[in-house]
N, C-alpha and C. Protein backbone atom coordinates (compact mmCIF):
# COMPACT_ATOMS: atom_id res chain seq x y z
N UNK A 1 1.13 -1.46 0.13
CA UNK A 1 -0.05 0.15 -0.01
C UNK A 1 0.93 1.20 0.20
N UNK A 2 0.42 2.48 -0.81
CA UNK A 2 1.14 3.67 -0.31
C UNK A 2 0.24 4.48 0.02
N UNK A 3 0.48 5.69 0.73
CA UNK A 3 -0.20 6.96 1.13
C UNK A 3 0.28 7.83 0.80
N UNK A 4 -0.62 9.19 0.69
CA UNK A 4 -0.04 10.54 0.40
C UNK A 4 -0.78 11.19 1.63
N UNK A 5 0.05 12.19 1.75
CA UNK A 5 -0.29 13.45 2.46
C UNK A 5 -0.58 14.83 1.67
N UNK A 6 -1.27 14.93 1.60
CA UNK A 6 -1.79 16.53 1.11
C UNK A 6 -2.44 17.49 1.81
N UNK A 7 -1.73 18.92 1.48
CA UNK A 7 -2.25 19.91 1.95
C UNK A 7 -3.77 20.07 1.64
N UNK A 8 -4.78 20.36 2.88
CA UNK A 8 -6.17 20.36 2.60
C UNK A 8 -6.53 21.87 3.16
N UNK A 9 -7.03 22.54 2.32
CA UNK A 9 -7.60 23.87 2.80
C UNK A 9 -8.85 24.14 2.84
N UNK A 10 -9.09 24.65 3.88
CA UNK A 10 -10.52 25.17 4.43
C UNK A 10 -10.64 26.97 4.17
N UNK A 11 -12.08 26.95 3.65
CA UNK A 11 -12.70 28.06 3.42
C UNK A 11 -13.94 27.84 3.91
N UNK A 12 -14.54 29.38 3.65
CA UNK A 12 -15.58 29.61 3.80
C UNK A 12 -16.58 29.86 2.61
N UNK A 13 -16.86 29.38 1.63
CA UNK A 13 -17.92 29.88 0.58
C UNK A 13 -16.87 30.03 -0.95
N UNK A 14 -15.46 29.46 -0.63
CA UNK A 14 -14.56 30.17 -1.64
C UNK A 14 -14.09 29.02 -2.16
N UNK A 15 -13.92 27.89 -1.52
CA UNK A 15 -13.36 26.71 -2.22
C UNK A 15 -13.39 26.78 -3.81
N UNK A 16 -14.34 26.91 -4.45
CA UNK A 16 -14.24 26.39 -5.77
C UNK A 16 -13.34 27.51 -6.20
N UNK A 17 -13.62 28.85 -6.14
CA UNK A 17 -13.01 30.03 -6.62
C UNK A 17 -11.42 29.42 -6.30
N UNK A 18 -11.05 28.92 -5.05
CA UNK A 18 -9.61 28.95 -4.93
C UNK A 18 -9.08 27.46 -5.68
N UNK A 19 -10.13 26.66 -5.80
CA UNK A 19 -9.33 25.66 -6.60
C UNK A 19 -9.05 26.15 -7.90
N UNK A 20 -9.63 26.72 -8.55
CA UNK A 20 -9.53 27.28 -9.72
C UNK A 20 -8.60 28.06 -10.04
N UNK A 21 -8.27 29.03 -9.08
CA UNK A 21 -6.80 29.62 -9.05
C UNK A 21 -5.45 29.14 -8.91
N UNK A 22 -5.87 27.98 -8.05
CA UNK A 22 -4.88 26.97 -7.95
C UNK A 22 -4.41 26.27 -9.04
N UNK A 23 -5.43 25.66 -9.89
CA UNK A 23 -5.38 25.08 -10.97
C UNK A 23 -4.93 25.96 -12.03
N UNK A 24 -5.21 27.38 -12.12
CA UNK A 24 -4.70 28.29 -13.24
C UNK A 24 -3.19 28.31 -13.01
N UNK A 25 -2.78 28.40 -11.86
CA UNK A 25 -1.34 28.61 -11.44
C UNK A 25 -0.34 27.37 -11.85
N UNK A 26 -0.92 26.13 -11.28
CA UNK A 26 -0.13 24.80 -11.34
C UNK A 26 -0.50 24.05 -12.53
N UNK A 27 -1.62 24.30 -13.21
CA UNK A 27 -2.81 23.03 -13.89
C UNK A 27 -3.31 21.74 -13.58
N UNK A 28 -3.24 20.98 -14.45
CA UNK A 28 -4.04 19.75 -13.75
C UNK A 28 -5.37 19.56 -13.69
N UNK A 29 -6.00 18.71 -12.92
CA UNK A 29 -7.48 18.45 -13.30
C UNK A 29 -8.11 18.79 -11.82
N UNK A 30 -9.37 19.31 -12.11
CA UNK A 30 -10.17 19.61 -10.89
C UNK A 30 -10.90 18.47 -10.37
N UNK A 31 -11.33 17.92 -9.23
CA UNK A 31 -12.37 17.38 -8.69
C UNK A 31 -13.35 18.11 -7.58
N UNK A 32 -14.61 17.88 -7.93
CA UNK A 32 -15.38 18.82 -6.87
C UNK A 32 -16.35 17.74 -6.44
N UNK A 33 -17.09 17.76 -5.18
CA UNK A 33 -17.93 17.04 -4.70
C UNK A 33 -19.06 18.23 -3.80
N UNK A 34 -20.03 18.70 -4.01
CA UNK A 34 -20.75 19.58 -3.36
C UNK A 34 -21.85 18.43 -1.84
N UNK A 35 -22.09 19.30 -0.84
CA UNK A 35 -22.48 19.28 0.07
C UNK A 35 -23.93 18.03 -0.57
N UNK A 36 -24.31 18.84 -1.47
CA UNK A 36 -25.84 18.17 -2.44
C UNK A 36 -25.18 16.73 -3.01
N UNK A 37 -24.36 16.60 -3.50
CA UNK A 37 -23.74 15.55 -4.11
C UNK A 37 -23.61 14.74 -3.01
N UNK A 38 -22.97 14.64 -2.45
CA UNK A 38 -22.71 13.77 -1.05
C UNK A 38 -23.99 12.97 -0.36
N UNK A 39 -24.99 14.15 -0.49
CA UNK A 39 -26.39 13.83 0.30
C UNK A 39 -26.11 14.15 1.76
N UNK A 40 -25.35 15.08 2.12
CA UNK A 40 -24.87 15.59 3.39
C UNK A 40 -24.88 16.99 3.63
N UNK A 41 -26.15 17.55 3.15
CA UNK A 41 -26.90 18.88 3.31
C UNK A 41 -27.25 18.84 4.51
N UNK A 42 -26.91 19.71 5.67
CA UNK A 42 -27.40 20.15 6.53
C UNK A 42 -28.24 21.41 6.88
N UNK A 43 -27.41 22.55 5.76
CA UNK A 43 -27.94 23.69 5.85
C UNK A 43 -28.11 24.23 4.66
N UNK A 44 -29.52 24.31 4.02
CA UNK A 44 -29.91 24.18 2.46
C UNK A 44 -28.75 25.29 1.82
N UNK A 45 -28.66 26.49 2.53
CA UNK A 45 -27.97 27.41 2.00
C UNK A 45 -26.54 27.21 1.24
N UNK A 46 -26.07 25.85 2.05
CA UNK A 46 -24.84 25.25 1.78
C UNK A 46 -24.71 24.29 1.08
N UNK A 47 -25.53 23.79 0.31
CA UNK A 47 -25.82 22.73 -0.49
C UNK A 47 -24.72 22.72 -1.23
N UNK A 48 -24.75 23.64 -2.09
CA UNK A 48 -23.86 23.64 -3.45
C UNK A 48 -22.11 24.01 -3.06
N UNK A 49 -22.11 24.15 -1.89
CA UNK A 49 -20.75 24.38 -1.51
C UNK A 49 -20.06 23.43 -1.45
N UNK A 50 -18.65 23.44 -1.34
CA UNK A 50 -17.61 22.25 -1.61
C UNK A 50 -17.70 21.34 -0.47
N UNK A 51 -17.79 20.22 -0.29
CA UNK A 51 -17.81 19.23 0.54
C UNK A 51 -16.08 18.79 0.58
N UNK A 52 -15.87 18.31 -0.70
CA UNK A 52 -14.75 17.66 -1.32
C UNK A 52 -14.09 18.30 -2.41
N UNK A 53 -12.66 18.80 -2.52
CA UNK A 53 -12.65 19.12 -3.98
C UNK A 53 -11.20 19.07 -3.66
N UNK A 54 -10.43 18.61 -5.07
CA UNK A 54 -9.23 18.76 -5.24
C UNK A 54 -8.73 19.35 -6.71
N UNK A 55 -6.92 19.17 -6.79
CA UNK A 55 -6.56 19.42 -7.92
C UNK A 55 -5.38 19.00 -7.78
N UNK A 56 -5.28 18.25 -8.85
CA UNK A 56 -3.82 17.35 -8.84
C UNK A 56 -3.10 17.45 -10.16
N UNK A 57 -2.00 17.76 -10.43
CA UNK A 57 -1.53 17.80 -11.50
C UNK A 57 -0.25 16.76 -11.55
N UNK A 58 0.02 16.62 -13.01
CA UNK A 58 1.14 15.41 -12.89
C UNK A 58 2.31 15.95 -12.52
N UNK A 59 2.75 17.06 -12.30
CA UNK A 59 3.94 17.38 -11.79
C UNK A 59 3.86 16.97 -10.44
N UNK A 60 2.80 16.56 -9.60
CA UNK A 60 2.88 16.27 -8.47
C UNK A 60 2.38 17.17 -7.34
N UNK A 61 1.97 18.42 -7.97
CA UNK A 61 1.10 19.09 -7.12
C UNK A 61 -0.30 18.63 -6.96
N UNK A 62 -0.63 18.89 -5.51
CA UNK A 62 -2.08 18.49 -5.27
C UNK A 62 -2.38 19.04 -4.00
N UNK A 63 -3.59 19.59 -3.99
CA UNK A 63 -4.03 20.00 -2.61
C UNK A 63 -5.76 19.70 -2.86
N UNK A 64 -6.00 19.86 -1.35
CA UNK A 64 -7.43 19.33 -1.24
C UNK A 64 -8.24 20.78 -0.84
N UNK A 65 -9.44 20.79 -0.90
CA UNK A 65 -10.02 21.96 -0.24
C UNK A 65 -11.71 21.91 0.01
N UNK A 66 -12.30 22.44 1.05
CA UNK A 66 -13.55 22.25 1.02
C UNK A 66 -13.76 23.53 1.85
N UNK A 67 -15.39 23.49 2.01
CA UNK A 67 -16.01 24.78 2.44
C UNK A 67 -16.44 24.35 3.80
N UNK A 68 -15.93 25.06 5.09
CA UNK A 68 -16.44 24.63 6.11
C UNK A 68 -17.71 24.99 6.67
N UNK A 69 -18.37 24.06 6.91
CA UNK A 69 -20.19 24.30 7.29
C UNK A 69 -20.43 25.56 8.34
N UNK A 70 -21.06 25.92 8.24
CA UNK A 70 -21.62 26.88 9.17
C UNK A 70 -21.88 26.45 10.52
N UNK A 71 -22.16 25.49 10.89
CA UNK A 71 -22.30 24.98 11.94
C UNK A 71 -20.81 24.71 12.90
N UNK A 72 -19.77 24.46 12.20
CA UNK A 72 -18.59 24.64 12.58
C UNK A 72 -17.79 26.30 12.68
N UNK A 73 -17.04 26.16 13.58
CA UNK A 73 -16.26 27.45 13.88
C UNK A 73 -15.13 27.69 12.62
N UNK A 74 -15.25 28.59 12.01
CA UNK A 74 -13.96 29.00 11.01
C UNK A 74 -13.73 30.49 11.16
N UNK A 75 -12.32 30.56 11.42
CA UNK A 75 -11.72 31.75 11.20
C UNK A 75 -10.64 32.04 10.42
N UNK A 76 -10.58 32.54 9.44
CA UNK A 76 -9.60 32.83 8.65
C UNK A 76 -7.67 32.33 9.58
N UNK A 77 -7.14 31.53 9.11
CA UNK A 77 -6.01 31.66 9.92
C UNK A 77 -5.99 30.66 10.91
N UNK A 78 -7.09 30.68 11.58
CA UNK A 78 -7.17 29.82 12.59
C UNK A 78 -7.09 28.18 12.49
N UNK A 79 -7.82 27.89 11.77
CA UNK A 79 -7.67 26.15 11.11
C UNK A 79 -7.71 26.13 9.49
N UNK A 80 -6.46 26.81 9.15
CA UNK A 80 -6.65 27.28 7.66
C UNK A 80 -6.08 25.71 7.03
N UNK A 81 -5.62 24.52 7.61
CA UNK A 81 -5.14 23.62 6.77
C UNK A 81 -5.33 22.33 7.54
N UNK A 82 -5.69 21.20 6.79
CA UNK A 82 -5.73 19.64 7.71
C UNK A 82 -4.45 19.09 6.97
N UNK A 83 -4.00 18.24 7.68
CA UNK A 83 -3.86 16.90 7.11
C UNK A 83 -4.05 16.00 6.82
N UNK A 84 -4.11 15.65 5.17
CA UNK A 84 -4.94 14.75 4.57
C UNK A 84 -4.25 13.41 4.43
N UNK A 85 -4.57 12.33 4.95
CA UNK A 85 -3.78 10.98 4.94
C UNK A 85 -4.69 10.29 3.78
N UNK A 86 -4.38 10.08 2.72
CA UNK A 86 -5.37 8.76 2.17
C UNK A 86 -4.55 7.75 1.79
N UNK A 87 -5.36 6.63 2.09
CA UNK A 87 -4.71 5.34 1.22
C UNK A 87 -5.91 4.46 1.21
N UNK A 88 -5.13 3.16 0.33
CA UNK A 88 -5.85 2.18 -0.46
C UNK A 88 -5.91 0.90 0.34
N UNK A 89 -5.80 1.02 1.31
CA UNK A 89 -5.93 -0.17 2.00
C UNK A 89 -6.37 0.05 3.54
N UNK A 90 -7.90 -0.13 3.93
CA UNK A 90 -8.30 -0.07 5.34
C UNK A 90 -7.81 -0.23 6.04
N UNK A 91 -7.16 -1.20 6.53
CA UNK A 91 -6.35 -1.74 7.86
C UNK A 91 -4.99 -0.71 8.20
N UNK A 92 -4.43 -0.19 6.95
CA UNK A 92 -3.47 0.35 7.19
C UNK A 92 -4.04 1.99 7.84
N UNK A 93 -4.76 2.64 7.24
CA UNK A 93 -5.57 3.81 7.41
C UNK A 93 -5.78 3.39 9.09
N UNK A 94 -6.55 2.56 9.34
CA UNK A 94 -6.76 2.07 10.51
C UNK A 94 -6.09 2.45 11.68
N UNK A 95 -4.98 1.46 11.41
CA UNK A 95 -3.69 1.82 12.21
C UNK A 95 -2.95 3.33 12.64
N UNK A 96 -3.07 3.70 11.28
CA UNK A 96 -2.62 5.32 11.63
C UNK A 96 -3.58 5.74 12.15
N UNK A 97 -5.01 5.72 12.29
CA UNK A 97 -6.09 6.51 12.95
C UNK A 97 -5.71 5.94 14.41
N UNK A 98 -5.61 5.00 14.75
CA UNK A 98 -5.47 4.63 16.12
C UNK A 98 -4.30 4.95 16.78
N UNK A 99 -3.13 5.21 16.03
CA UNK A 99 -1.96 5.93 16.75
C UNK A 99 -2.11 7.32 17.01
N UNK A 100 -3.01 7.86 15.77
CA UNK A 100 -2.88 9.66 16.27
C UNK A 100 -3.98 9.73 17.08
N UNK A 101 -5.01 8.49 17.26
CA UNK A 101 -6.14 9.15 18.21
C UNK A 101 -5.78 9.16 19.22
N UNK A 102 -4.55 8.54 19.88
CA UNK A 102 -3.96 8.95 21.40
C UNK A 102 -4.04 10.38 22.04
N UNK A 103 -4.92 10.78 22.74
CA UNK A 103 -4.83 11.85 23.25
C UNK A 103 -5.40 12.81 22.03
N UNK A 104 -6.27 12.46 21.32
CA UNK A 104 -6.77 13.39 20.55
C UNK A 104 -8.04 13.60 21.03
N UNK A 105 -8.79 14.76 19.97
CA UNK A 105 -10.15 14.65 19.64
C UNK A 105 -10.85 14.27 18.74
N UNK A 106 -11.35 13.69 18.63
CA UNK A 106 -12.33 12.76 17.57
C UNK A 106 -13.32 14.02 16.99
N UNK A 107 -12.99 14.38 15.59
CA UNK A 107 -14.28 15.50 15.50
C UNK A 107 -15.19 14.79 14.48
N UNK A 108 -14.63 13.50 13.83
CA UNK A 108 -15.67 12.57 12.97
C UNK A 108 -14.90 11.28 13.18
N UNK A 109 -15.87 10.36 13.89
CA UNK A 109 -15.13 8.82 14.00
C UNK A 109 -15.04 8.27 12.49
N UNK A 110 -13.81 7.48 12.93
CA UNK A 110 -13.31 6.82 11.41
C UNK A 110 -14.70 5.53 11.28
N UNK A 111 -15.17 5.99 10.08
CA UNK A 111 -16.09 4.80 9.61
C UNK A 111 -16.41 4.96 8.32
N UNK A 112 -17.13 4.28 7.91
CA UNK A 112 -17.92 4.37 6.52
C UNK A 112 -18.33 5.48 6.05
N UNK A 113 -18.52 6.20 4.96
CA UNK A 113 -19.22 7.35 4.74
C UNK A 113 -19.71 7.38 3.00
N UNK A 114 -20.43 8.31 2.71
CA UNK A 114 -20.97 8.10 1.32
C UNK A 114 -20.13 8.14 0.11
N UNK A 115 -18.56 8.65 0.68
CA UNK A 115 -18.18 8.70 -0.59
C UNK A 115 -16.44 8.35 -0.37
N UNK A 116 -16.58 7.16 0.75
CA UNK A 116 -15.56 6.63 0.96
C UNK A 116 -15.80 5.13 2.12
N UNK A 117 -15.15 4.33 1.87
CA UNK A 117 -15.31 3.08 2.39
C UNK A 117 -15.02 3.42 4.14
N UNK A 118 -13.97 4.50 4.54
CA UNK A 118 -13.82 4.92 6.11
C UNK A 118 -13.14 6.28 5.60
N UNK A 119 -13.57 7.05 6.67
CA UNK A 119 -13.16 8.56 6.82
C UNK A 119 -13.29 9.05 8.25
N UNK A 120 -12.54 9.47 8.46
CA UNK A 120 -12.54 10.16 10.00
C UNK A 120 -11.48 11.59 9.94
N UNK A 121 -12.08 12.15 11.18
CA UNK A 121 -11.39 13.60 11.09
C UNK A 121 -10.86 13.42 12.91
N UNK A 122 -9.78 14.04 13.21
CA UNK A 122 -9.49 14.26 14.55
C UNK A 122 -8.57 15.44 14.69
N UNK A 123 -8.21 15.72 15.92
CA UNK A 123 -7.45 17.07 16.31
C UNK A 123 -6.43 16.35 17.34
N UNK A 124 -5.09 16.52 16.99
CA UNK A 124 -4.49 15.82 17.56
C UNK A 124 -3.85 16.24 19.03
N UNK A 125 -3.16 15.80 19.91
CA UNK A 125 -2.62 16.30 20.64
C UNK A 125 -1.82 17.77 20.76
N UNK A 126 -1.52 17.69 19.51
CA UNK A 126 -0.77 19.08 19.06
C UNK A 126 -1.23 20.18 18.72
N UNK A 127 -2.80 19.90 18.22
CA UNK A 127 -3.71 20.72 17.88
C UNK A 127 -3.60 20.60 16.74
N UNK A 128 -3.19 19.76 15.66
CA UNK A 128 -3.32 19.71 14.21
C UNK A 128 -4.26 18.70 13.86
N UNK A 129 -5.04 19.19 13.11
CA UNK A 129 -6.16 18.74 12.63
C UNK A 129 -5.88 17.70 11.06
N UNK A 130 -6.43 16.54 11.81
CA UNK A 130 -5.95 15.12 10.78
C UNK A 130 -7.58 14.86 9.98
N UNK A 131 -7.52 14.60 8.62
CA UNK A 131 -8.27 13.63 8.34
C UNK A 131 -7.84 12.51 7.46
N UNK A 132 -8.12 11.31 7.59
CA UNK A 132 -8.00 10.11 7.25
C UNK A 132 -8.90 9.55 6.10
N UNK A 133 -8.62 8.57 5.09
CA UNK A 133 -9.83 8.24 4.56
C UNK A 133 -9.29 6.92 3.74
N UNK A 134 -9.89 6.20 3.01
CA UNK A 134 -9.73 5.11 2.16
C UNK A 134 -10.05 5.64 0.89
N UNK A 135 -8.90 5.90 0.12
CA UNK A 135 -9.31 6.82 -1.34
C UNK A 135 -10.02 5.51 -2.45
N UNK A 136 -10.69 6.49 -3.00
CA UNK A 136 -11.34 5.65 -4.04
C UNK A 136 -11.34 6.53 -5.24
N UNK A 137 -11.35 5.90 -6.49
CA UNK A 137 -11.54 6.71 -7.51
C UNK A 137 -12.59 7.58 -7.89
N UNK A 138 -12.67 8.83 -8.14
CA UNK A 138 -13.62 9.90 -8.46
C UNK A 138 -14.17 9.78 -9.63
N UNK A 139 -15.46 9.58 -10.22
CA UNK A 139 -16.03 9.87 -11.18
C UNK A 139 -16.66 10.72 -11.58
N UNK A 140 -16.44 11.88 -12.27
CA UNK A 140 -17.46 13.32 -12.12
C UNK A 140 -18.44 13.01 -12.92
N UNK A 141 -19.42 13.76 -11.99
CA UNK A 141 -20.94 13.60 -12.51
C UNK A 141 -20.96 14.16 -13.90
C-alpha cells in the first residue's frame, strides 16, 4: 500500500474559486463534490458549497479544499489547513488512525461515509487536524 499526504485548505464559501485559481497556476485536473452531491446537506444555503475538492497535476502538485459548514467554527488563519492522509488499504489507514487518536479529540469517528469506505477527522494532542480516508476513484458527474 502507499499513502499520500496532501495539504487540505479550508474556506468559507470560496473553495471553488480557490481551486480554480490554483489550477490556473499549477495546471492539472479538478474534482469536486458538493454537500448536495454527497447527500450531506445540513444547511440548504450551503448545499452547493464544496464538501470535497481537489486539484492534482502531473507535476506532483496536489491540494484538497472544502467549505467549512456554518455549524463549525471557522476563522481565517485559525484552522487554515488539515493534513489529509489517503490510502488504499483500510487496515493500514485504521492503524494510523488508532495511533493518531491517542490523546486526541475525535471530530468525526473513523467510519464508512458516502464517498469513502472509511473517513475520519481528529485533532491531535498538538492541535493539528488530521483527515484520514480510504481513497476511491472519483468519477465526475
